Amino acid sequence: MTGVSVRDLSAGYGGKTVLRGISGDFPPGALTFLLGPNGSGKSTLLRALGGALPHGGTVTLCGRDGASLSSRERGRLVGVVTQSPSLNFPFTVEEVIAMGRLPHRKLLGSPDVRGREAVRRAAEAMELEDLLDRPLTTLSGGERQRTMIAQAIAQEPEVFLLDEPSSALDPRHTLALYRFLRQAAAEGKTVAAAVHDINLAAEFGDCVWLLGEDGLAASGRVKDVLTGDVLSSVYGVSFAPLGRGAGEGERVLWRAV
């Protein structure tokens, strides 16, 4: 079985449970968005899926029990982009992107031809070719974010887990990112991204998980989950249609009123 599945997942911090009894699937070949109010557990869920947070229940990644994976195996399967990357050492952009190849390299081994090509493609995808020699510490917030996204792309993972990946990006690079993620999904990858922008999910998403204060409020295809009634019940404010999105199918855009 491919994709990502969670069964009866519970997780939290410092003795406080944030998520309890969450079950569902992130299908391969789909871009799934995580939506929900602040504190509803989007980041907690992604951290648990990526192996960075202890949890109850089971997480299955591409048919394998997540708890059985070594860090190297997990690194080959899962590319993670966190909300606030903390890498502050003066590595160059190219060096940081190349770190995505570490799970594929032998201990103390040098990058191979495939690895160098993966780094090049990742840099191109995030439009970083002119910044490869720049130290990370000299970059703007958006440039750093694009670098960390490129690092995950260079991993060539089967699963992408991204937490607010476009929060610091301008419209041009936001569009480039989600076009890349749509293409990755079209190639069979499993892609899950937490965002606050409901209309990003409406434009680009295949599926949505909508988290509320009581857990998973709804999940499924975009057109079935992103309705005024469902959104209002989770966010506690009324929503009205804003128009139609540019994506295929009935993609309604929404605004809070």
C-alpha atoms as a PDB file:
ATOM      1  CA  MET A   1       0.000   0.000   0.000  1.00  0.00           C
ATOM      2  CA  THR A   2       1.297   3.442  -0.871  1.00  0.00           C
ATOM      3  CA  GLY A   3       0.379   6.807   0.583  1.00  0.00           C
ATOM      4  CA  VAL A   4       0.104   7.650   4.267  1.00  0.00           C
ATOM      5  CA  SER A   5      -2.419   6.246   6.727  1.00  0.00           C
ATOM      6  CA  VAL A   6      -3.051   7.090  10.363  1.00  0.00           C
ATOM      7  CA  ARG A   7      -5.133   5.019  12.741  1.00  0.00           C
ATOM      8  CA  ASP A   8      -6.276   6.191  16.187  1.00  0.00           C
ATOM      9  CA  LEU A   9      -3.416   8.714  16.321  1.00  0.00           C
ATOM     10  CA  SER A  10      -2.985  10.806  19.466  1.00  0.00           C
ATOM     11  CA  ALA A  11      -0.216  13.342  20.047  1.00  0.00           C
ATOM     12  CA  GLY A  12       0.601  16.462  22.010  1.00  0.00           C
ATOM     13  CA  TYR A  13       3.193  18.395  23.977  1.00  0.00           C
ATOM     14  CA  GLY A  14       4.200  18.600  27.621  1.00  0.00           C
ATOM     15  CA  GLY A  15       1.447  16.315  28.833  1.00  0.00           C
ATOM     16  CA  LYS A  16      -1.257  18.153  26.863  1.00  0.00           C
ATOM     17  CA  THR A  17      -3.031  16.123  24.188  1.00  0.00           C
ATOM     18  CA  VAL A  18      -3.611  18.156  21.037  1.00  0.00           C
ATOM     19  CA  LEU A  19      -4.880  15.365  18.782  1.00  0.00           C
ATOM     20  CA  ARG A  20      -6.851  12.360  19.967  1.00  0.00           C
ATOM     21  CA  GLY A  21      -8.099   9.366  18.008  1.00  0.00           C
ATOM     22  CA  ILE A  22      -7.361  10.711  14.513  1.00  0.00           C
ATOM     23  CA  SER A  23      -7.795   8.234  11.644  1.00  0.00           C
ATOM     24  CA  GLY A  24      -7.658   8.723   7.914  1.00  0.00           C
ATOM     25  CA  ASP A  25      -5.629   8.442   4.724  1.00  0.00           C
ATOM     26  CA  PHE A  26      -3.486  10.706   2.577  1.00  0.00           C
ATOM     27  CA  PRO A  27      -3.762   9.087  -0.847  1.00  0.00           C
ATOM     28  CA  PRO A  28      -0.865   8.856  -3.280  1.00  0.00           C
ATOM     29  CA  GLY A  29      -1.232  10.927  -6.397  1.00  0.00           C
ATOM     30  CA  ALA A  30      -3.062  13.677  -4.531  1.00  0.00           C
ATOM     31  CA  LEU A  31      -2.257  17.060  -3.002  1.00  0.00           C
ATOM     32  CA  THR A  32      -3.977  17.119   0.395  1.00  0.00           C
ATOM     33  CA  PHE A  33      -4.288  20.323   2.393  1.00  0.00           C
ATOM     34  CA  LEU A  34      -4.608  20.520   6.175  1.00  0.00           C
ATOM     35  CA  LEU A  35      -6.844  23.395   7.229  1.00  0.00           C
ATOM     36  CA  GLY A  36      -8.155  24.551  10.594  1.00  0.00           C
ATOM     37  CA  PRO A  37      -8.035  27.306  13.200  1.00  0.00           C
ATOM     38  CA  ASN A  38      -4.920  28.140  15.189  1.00  0.00           C
ATOM     39  CA  GLY A  39      -4.186  25.405  17.693  1.00  0.00           C
ATOM     40  CA  SER A  40      -6.285  22.764  15.954  1.00  0.00           C
ATOM     41  CA  GLY A  41      -3.278  20.468  15.523  1.00  0.00           C
ATOM     42  CA  LYS A  42      -2.129  20.847  11.917  1.00  0.00           C
ATOM     43  CA  SER A  43       1.566  21.174  12.812  1.00  0.00           C
ATOM     44  CA  THR A  44       1.236  18.498  15.501  1.00  0.00           C
ATOM     45  CA  LEU A  45      -0.175  16.058  12.958  1.00  0.00           C
ATOM     46  CA  LEU A  46       2.582  16.752  10.434  1.00  0.00           C
ATOM     47  CA  ARG A  47       5.282  16.354  13.091  1.00  0.00           C
ATOM     48  CA  ALA A  48       3.802  13.023  14.157  1.00  0.00           C
ATOM     49  CA  LEU A  49       3.610  11.830  10.541  1.00  0.00           C
ATOM     50  CA  GLY A  50       7.220  12.872   9.957  1.00  0.00           C
ATOM     51  CA  GLY A  51       8.504  11.049  13.045  1.00  0.00           C
ATOM     52  CA  ALA A  52       9.516  14.188  14.952  1.00  0.00           C
ATOM     53  CA  LEU A  53       6.895  13.771  17.695  1.00  0.00           C
ATOM     54  CA  PRO A  54       6.015  10.720  19.811  1.00  0.00           C
ATOM     55  CA  HIS A  55       2.450   9.595  19.341  1.00  0.00           C
ATOM     56  CA  GLY A  56      -0.088   6.941  20.095  1.00  0.00           C
ATOM     57  CA  GLY A  57      -1.754   4.896  17.390  1.00  0.00           C
ATOM     58  CA  THR A  58      -0.132   3.925  14.120  1.00  0.00           C
ATOM     59  CA  VAL A  59       1.297   5.791  11.145  1.00  0.00           C
ATOM     60  CA  THR A  60       1.860   3.835   7.931  1.00  0.00           C
ATOM     61  CA  LEU A  61       4.170   5.341   5.313  1.00  0.00           C
ATOM     62  CA  CYS A  62       4.160   3.742   1.862  1.00  0.00           C
ATOM     63  CA  GLY A  63       3.018   0.451   3.337  1.00  0.00           C
ATOM     64  CA  ARG A  64       5.517   0.432   6.221  1.00  0.00           C
ATOM     65  CA  ASP A  65       4.927   0.995   9.910  1.00  0.00           C
ATOM     66  CA  GLY A  66       6.474   4.378  10.663  1.00  0.00           C
ATOM     67  CA  ALA A  67       7.702   3.152  14.046  1.00  0.00           C
ATOM     68  CA  SER A  68       9.861   0.498  12.356  1.00  0.00           C
ATOM     69  CA  LEU A  69      11.758   2.895  10.083  1.00  0.00           C
ATOM     70  CA  SER A  70      15.327   3.929  10.749  1.00  0.00           C
ATOM     71  CA  SER A  71      16.134   7.618  10.356  1.00  0.00           C
ATOM     72  CA  ARG A  72      17.892   6.810   7.077  1.00  0.00           C
ATOM     73  CA  GLU A  73      14.902   4.864   5.729  1.00  0.00           C
ATOM     74  CA  ARG A  74      12.548   7.625   6.790  1.00  0.00           C
ATOM     75  CA  GLY A  75      14.778  10.186   5.077  1.00  0.00           C
ATOM     76  CA  ARG A  76      14.476   8.313   1.806  1.00  0.00           C
ATOM     77  CA  LEU A  77      10.699   8.116   2.056  1.00  0.00           C
ATOM     78  CA  VAL A  78       9.667  11.447   3.577  1.00  0.00           C
ATOM     79  CA  GLY A  79      10.640  15.031   2.800  1.00  0.00           C
ATOM     80  CA  VAL A  80       9.654  17.495   5.545  1.00  0.00           C
ATOM     81  CA  VAL A  81       9.462  21.279   5.432  1.00  0.00           C
ATOM     82  CA  THR A  82       8.902  22.782   8.879  1.00  0.00           C
ATOM     83  CA  GLN A  83       7.196  26.056   9.670  1.00  0.00           C
ATOM     84  CA  SER A  84      10.259  27.763  11.198  1.00  0.00           C
ATOM     85  CA  PRO A  85      13.557  26.259   9.983  1.00  0.00           C
ATOM     86  CA  SER A  86      16.318  26.906  12.523  1.00  0.00           C
ATOM     87  CA  LEU A  87      19.390  26.343  10.355  1.00  0.00           C
ATOM     88  CA  ASN A  88      21.574  29.387  11.069  1.00  0.00           C
ATOM     89  CA  PHE A  89      25.050  28.159  10.151  1.00  0.00           C
ATOM     90  CA  PRO A  90      26.734  29.885   7.174  1.00  0.00           C
ATOM     91  CA  PHE A  91      26.282  27.012   4.726  1.00  0.00           C
ATOM     92  CA  THR A  92      25.726  28.058   1.146  1.00  0.00           C
ATOM     93  CA  VAL A  93      22.372  27.550  -0.515  1.00  0.00           C
ATOM     94  CA  GLU A  94      23.841  24.738  -2.616  1.00  0.00           C
ATOM     95  CA  GLU A  95      25.233  22.999   0.487  1.00  0.00           C
ATOM     96  CA  VAL A  96      21.881  23.216   2.258  1.00  0.00           C
ATOM     97  CA  ILE A  97      19.996  21.800  -0.721  1.00  0.00           C
ATOM     98  CA  ALA A  98      22.583  19.005  -1.018  1.00  0.00           C
ATOM     99  CA  MET A  99      21.839  17.991   2.593  1.00  0.00           C
ATOM    100  CA  GLY A 100      18.645  16.509   1.191  1.00  0.00           C
ATOM    101  CA  ARG A 101      20.766  13.829  -0.453  1.00  0.00           C
ATOM    102  CA  LEU A 102      22.297  12.574   2.812  1.00  0.00           C
ATOM    103  CA  PRO A 103      19.845   9.651   3.264  1.00  0.00           C
ATOM    104  CA  HIS A 104      20.886   8.377  -0.178  1.00  0.00           C
ATOM    105  CA  ARG A 105      24.655   8.615   0.336  1.00  0.00           C
ATOM    106  CA  LYS A 106      27.058   6.183   1.890  1.00  0.00           C
ATOM    107  CA  LEU A 107      28.765   7.307   5.083  1.00  0.00           C
ATOM    108  CA  LEU A 108      31.399   9.910   4.142  1.00  0.00           C
ATOM    109  CA  GLY A 109      30.530   9.370   0.495  1.00  0.00           C
ATOM    110  CA  SER A 110      30.603  12.153  -2.064  1.00  0.00           C
ATOM    111  CA  PRO A 111      27.555  13.227  -4.059  1.00  0.00           C
ATOM    112  CA  ASP A 112      27.056  11.052  -7.141  1.00  0.00           C
ATOM    113  CA  VAL A 113      25.808  12.106 -10.554  1.00  0.00           C
ATOM    114  CA  ARG A 114      22.174  11.465  -9.623  1.00  0.00           C
ATOM    115  CA  GLY A 115      22.601  13.458  -6.430  1.00  0.00           C
ATOM    116  CA  ARG A 116      24.124  16.438  -8.181  1.00  0.00           C
ATOM    117  CA  GLU A 117      21.358  16.359 -10.782  1.00  0.00           C
ATOM    118  CA  ALA A 118      18.704  16.212  -8.047  1.00  0.00           C
ATOM    119  CA  VAL A 119      20.233  19.289  -6.395  1.00  0.00           C
ATOM    120  CA  ARG A 120      20.255  21.130  -9.717  1.00  0.00           C
ATOM    121  CA  ARG A 121      16.609  20.301 -10.433  1.00  0.00           C
ATOM    122  CA  ALA A 122      15.541  21.311  -6.931  1.00  0.00           C
ATOM    123  CA  ALA A 123      17.315  24.661  -7.251  1.00  0.00           C
ATOM    124  CA  GLU A 124      15.614  25.264 -10.588  1.00  0.00           C
ATOM    125  CA  ALA A 125      12.190  24.342  -9.201  1.00  0.00           C
ATOM    126  CA  MET A 126      12.532  27.017  -6.499  1.00  0.00           C
ATOM    127  CA  GLU A 127      14.345  29.522  -8.761  1.00  0.00           C
ATOM    128  CA  LEU A 128      17.532  29.503  -6.687  1.00  0.00           C
ATOM    129  CA  GLU A 129      20.135  29.123  -9.445  1.00  0.00           C
ATOM    130  CA  ASP A 130      21.539  32.630  -8.899  1.00  0.00           C
ATOM    131  CA  LEU A 131      21.805  32.156  -5.120  1.00  0.00           C
ATOM    132  CA  LEU A 132      23.690  28.851  -4.901  1.00  0.00           C
ATOM    133  CA  ASP A 133      26.927  30.428  -3.624  1.00  0.00           C
ATOM    134  CA  ARG A 134      25.213  32.694  -1.091  1.00  0.00           C
ATOM    135  CA  PRO A 135      25.451  31.824   2.636  1.00  0.00           C
ATOM    136  CA  LEU A 136      22.053  30.967   4.072  1.00  0.00           C
ATOM    137  CA  THR A 137      22.533  33.607   6.766  1.00  0.00           C
ATOM    138  CA  THR A 138      22.495  36.389   4.129  1.00  0.00           C
ATOM    139  CA  LEU A 139      19.131  35.455   2.632  1.00  0.00           C
ATOM    140  CA  SER A 140      15.711  36.957   3.118  1.00  0.00           C
ATOM    141  CA  GLY A 141      13.020  34.934   4.873  1.00  0.00           C
ATOM    142  CA  GLY A 142      11.420  33.948   1.588  1.00  0.00           C
ATOM    143  CA  GLU A 143      14.732  32.898   0.065  1.00  0.00           C
ATOM    144  CA  ARG A 144      15.470  30.739   3.099  1.00  0.00           C
ATOM    145  CA  GLN A 145      12.073  29.128   2.857  1.00  0.00           C
ATOM    146  CA  ARG A 146      12.594  28.339  -0.810  1.00  0.00           C
ATOM    147  CA  THR A 147      15.989  26.823   0.070  1.00  0.00           C
ATOM    148  CA  MET A 148      14.474  24.501   2.654  1.00  0.00           C
ATOM    149  CA  ILE A 149      11.744  23.478   0.204  1.00  0.00           C
ATOM    150  CA  ALA A 150      14.449  22.760  -2.382  1.00  0.00           C
ATOM    151  CA  GLN A 151      16.273  20.592   0.171  1.00  0.00           C
ATOM    152  CA  ALA A 152      13.147  18.440   0.541  1.00  0.00           C
ATOM    153  CA  ILE A 153      12.734  18.266  -3.237  1.00  0.00           C
ATOM    154  CA  ALA A 154      16.356  17.096  -3.612  1.00  0.00           C
ATOM    155  CA  GLN A 155      15.570  14.159  -1.301  1.00  0.00           C
ATOM    156  CA  GLU A 156      13.341  12.743  -4.032  1.00  0.00           C
ATOM    157  CA  PRO A 157      10.937  11.399  -1.405  1.00  0.00           C
ATOM    158  CA  GLU A 158       7.740   9.462  -1.950  1.00  0.00           C
ATOM    159  CA  VAL A 159       5.962  11.654   0.620  1.00  0.00           C
ATOM    160  CA  PHE A 160       6.087  15.420   1.103  1.00  0.00           C
ATOM    161  CA  LEU A 161       4.968  16.913   4.436  1.00  0.00           C
ATOM    162  CA  LEU A 162       4.977  20.716   4.427  1.00  0.00           C
ATOM    163  CA  ASP A 163       3.964  23.075   7.239  1.00  0.00           C
ATOM    164  CA  GLU A 164       2.952  26.543   5.983  1.00  0.00           C
ATOM    165  CA  PRO A 165       5.458  26.246   3.108  1.00  0.00           C
ATOM    166  CA  SER A 166       4.371  29.479   1.389  1.00  0.00           C
ATOM    167  CA  SER A 167       4.015  31.693   4.483  1.00  0.00           C
ATOM    168  CA  ALA A 168       7.027  33.853   3.522  1.00  0.00           C
ATOM    169  CA  LEU A 169       6.743  33.583  -0.253  1.00  0.00           C
ATOM    170  CA  ASP A 170       5.632  36.261  -2.678  1.00  0.00           C
ATOM    171  CA  PRO A 171       2.812  35.460  -5.165  1.00  0.00           C
ATOM    172  CA  ARG A 172       5.191  34.400  -7.947  1.00  0.00           C
ATOM    173  CA  HIS A 173       7.043  31.867  -5.816  1.00  0.00           C
ATOM    174  CA  THR A 174       3.849  30.709  -4.117  1.00  0.00           C
ATOM    175  CA  LEU A 175       2.472  29.863  -7.552  1.00  0.00           C
ATOM    176  CA  ALA A 176       5.718  28.091  -8.516  1.00  0.00           C
ATOM    177  CA  LEU A 177       5.619  26.029  -5.310  1.00  0.00           C
ATOM    178  CA  TYR A 178       2.055  24.805  -5.664  1.00  0.00           C
ATOM    179  CA  ARG A 179       2.488  24.094  -9.353  1.00  0.00           C
ATOM    180  CA  PHE A 180       5.476  21.937  -8.411  1.00  0.00           C
ATOM    181  CA  LEU A 181       3.472  20.149  -5.698  1.00  0.00           C
ATOM    182  CA  ARG A 182       0.597  19.537  -8.119  1.00  0.00           C
ATOM    183  CA  GLN A 183       3.081  18.012 -10.586  1.00  0.00           C
ATOM    184  CA  ALA A 184       4.643  15.873  -7.847  1.00  0.00           C
ATOM    185  CA  ALA A 185       1.190  14.566  -6.971  1.00  0.00           C
ATOM    186  CA  ALA A 186       0.452  13.897 -10.647  1.00  0.00           C
ATOM    187  CA  GLU A 187       3.595  11.740 -10.710  1.00  0.00           C
ATOM    188  CA  GLY A 188       2.224   9.606  -7.863  1.00  0.00           C
ATOM    189  CA  LYS A 189       3.762  11.273  -4.824  1.00  0.00           C
ATOM    190  CA  THR A 190       1.818  11.748  -1.606  1.00  0.00           C
ATOM    191  CA  VAL A 191       1.710  15.444  -0.706  1.00  0.00           C
ATOM    192  CA  ALA A 192       0.275  16.987   2.480  1.00  0.00           C
ATOM    193  CA  ALA A 193       0.559  20.702   3.243  1.00  0.00           C
ATOM    194  CA  ALA A 194      -0.793  22.688   6.188  1.00  0.00           C
ATOM    195  CA  VAL A 195      -1.980  26.182   5.271  1.00  0.00           C
ATOM    196  CA  HIS A 196      -4.296  28.887   6.587  1.00  0.00           C
ATOM    197  CA  ASP A 197      -5.409  30.097   3.164  1.00  0.00           C
ATOM    198  CA  ILE A 198      -8.643  28.262   2.373  1.00  0.00           C
ATOM    199  CA  ASN A 199      -8.515  29.430  -1.237  1.00  0.00           C
ATOM    200  CA  LEU A 200      -5.080  27.900  -1.806  1.00  0.00           C
ATOM    201  CA  ALA A 201      -6.708  24.581  -0.985  1.00  0.00           C
ATOM    202  CA  ALA A 202      -9.660  25.410  -3.213  1.00  0.00           C
ATOM    203  CA  GLU A 203      -7.397  26.288  -6.156  1.00  0.00           C
ATOM    204  CA  PHE A 204      -4.731  23.608  -5.934  1.00  0.00           C
ATOM    205  CA  GLY A 205      -5.955  20.809  -3.683  1.00  0.00           C
ATOM    206  CA  ASP A 206      -7.355  17.402  -4.487  1.00  0.00           C
ATOM    207  CA  CYS A 207      -8.295  16.556  -0.912  1.00  0.00           C
ATOM    208  CA  VAL A 208      -8.693  18.405   2.384  1.00  0.00           C
ATOM    209  CA  TRP A 209      -8.424  17.496   6.047  1.00  0.00           C
ATOM    210  CA  LEU A 210     -10.289  20.082   8.116  1.00  0.00           C
ATOM    211  CA  LEU A 211      -9.267  20.048  11.774  1.00  0.00           C
ATOM    212  CA  GLY A 212     -11.382  21.632  14.492  1.00  0.00           C
ATOM    213  CA  GLU A 213     -11.189  21.882  18.260  1.00  0.00           C
ATOM    214  CA  ASP A 214     -12.687  18.400  18.588  1.00  0.00           C
ATOM    215  CA  GLY A 215     -10.337  16.717  16.131  1.00  0.00           C
ATOM    216  CA  LEU A 216     -10.881  15.848  12.504  1.00  0.00           C
ATOM    217  CA  ALA A 217     -14.068  17.679  11.513  1.00  0.00           C
ATOM    218  CA  ALA A 218     -14.170  16.598   7.863  1.00  0.00           C
ATOM    219  CA  SER A 219     -11.992  15.045   5.190  1.00  0.00           C
ATOM    220  CA  GLY A 220     -12.422  14.205   1.552  1.00  0.00           C
ATOM    221  CA  ARG A 221     -12.448  15.815  -1.875  1.00  0.00           C
ATOM    222  CA  VAL A 222     -12.171  19.602  -2.011  1.00  0.00           C
ATOM    223  CA  LYS A 223     -15.662  20.159  -3.400  1.00  0.00           C
ATOM    224  CA  ASP A 224     -17.214  18.035  -0.653  1.00  0.00           C
ATOM    225  CA  VAL A 225     -15.343  19.542   2.313  1.00  0.00           C
ATOM    226  CA  LEU A 226     -15.007  23.202   1.398  1.00  0.00           C
ATOM    227  CA  THR A 227     -18.635  24.227   1.746  1.00  0.00           C
ATOM    228  CA  GLY A 228     -20.012  27.240   3.579  1.00  0.00           C
ATOM    229  CA  ASP A 229     -21.725  25.138   6.229  1.00  0.00           C
ATOM    230  CA  VAL A 230     -18.662  23.010   7.000  1.00  0.00           C
ATOM    231  CA  LEU A 231     -16.284  25.978   7.084  1.00  0.00           C
ATOM    232  CA  SER A 232     -18.622  27.983   9.309  1.00  0.00           C
ATOM    233  CA  SER A 233     -18.980  25.115  11.786  1.00  0.00           C
ATOM    234  CA  VAL A 234     -15.194  24.785  12.167  1.00  0.00           C
ATOM    235  CA  TYR A 235     -14.098  28.435  12.122  1.00  0.00           C
ATOM    236  CA  GLY A 236     -17.072  29.920  13.969  1.00  0.00           C
ATOM    237  CA  VAL A 237     -17.715  32.592  11.350  1.00  0.00           C
ATOM    238  CA  SER A 238     -19.940  32.722   8.297  1.00  0.00           C
ATOM    239  CA  PHE A 239     -18.534  32.153   4.812  1.00  0.00           C
ATOM    240  CA  ALA A 240     -19.836  33.315   1.455  1.00  0.00           C
ATOM    241  CA  PRO A 241     -18.760  32.272  -2.063  1.00  0.00           C
ATOM    242  CA  LEU A 242     -16.182  34.618  -3.557  1.00  0.00           C
ATOM    243  CA  GLY A 243     -16.131  33.167  -7.056  1.00  0.00           C
ATOM    244  CA  ARG A 244     -14.790  30.204  -8.982  1.00  0.00           C
ATOM    245  CA  GLY A 245     -11.203  29.023  -8.925  1.00  0.00           C
ATOM    246  CA  ALA A 246      -9.063  28.371 -11.955  1.00  0.00           C
ATOM    247  CA  GLY A 247      -8.606  24.674 -11.198  1.00  0.00           C
ATOM    248  CA  GLU A 248     -10.538  21.839 -12.777  1.00  0.00           C
ATOM    249  CA  GLY A 249     -14.016  20.993 -11.519  1.00  0.00           C
ATOM    250  CA  GLU A 250     -16.290  22.883  -9.139  1.00  0.00           C
ATOM    251  CA  ARG A 251     -13.735  24.865  -7.177  1.00  0.00           C
ATOM    252  CA  VAL A 252     -15.515  27.547  -5.169  1.00  0.00           C
ATOM    253  CA  LEU A 253     -13.483  30.292  -3.498  1.00  0.00           C
ATOM    254  CA  TRP A 254     -14.598  31.559  -0.092  1.00  0.00           C
ATOM    255  CA  ARG A 255     -14.440  34.650   2.089  1.00  0.00           C
ATOM    256  CA  ALA A 256     -15.331  35.102   5.729  1.00  0.00           C
ATOM    257  CA  VAL A 257     -18.249  37.511   6.311  1.00  0.00           C
END
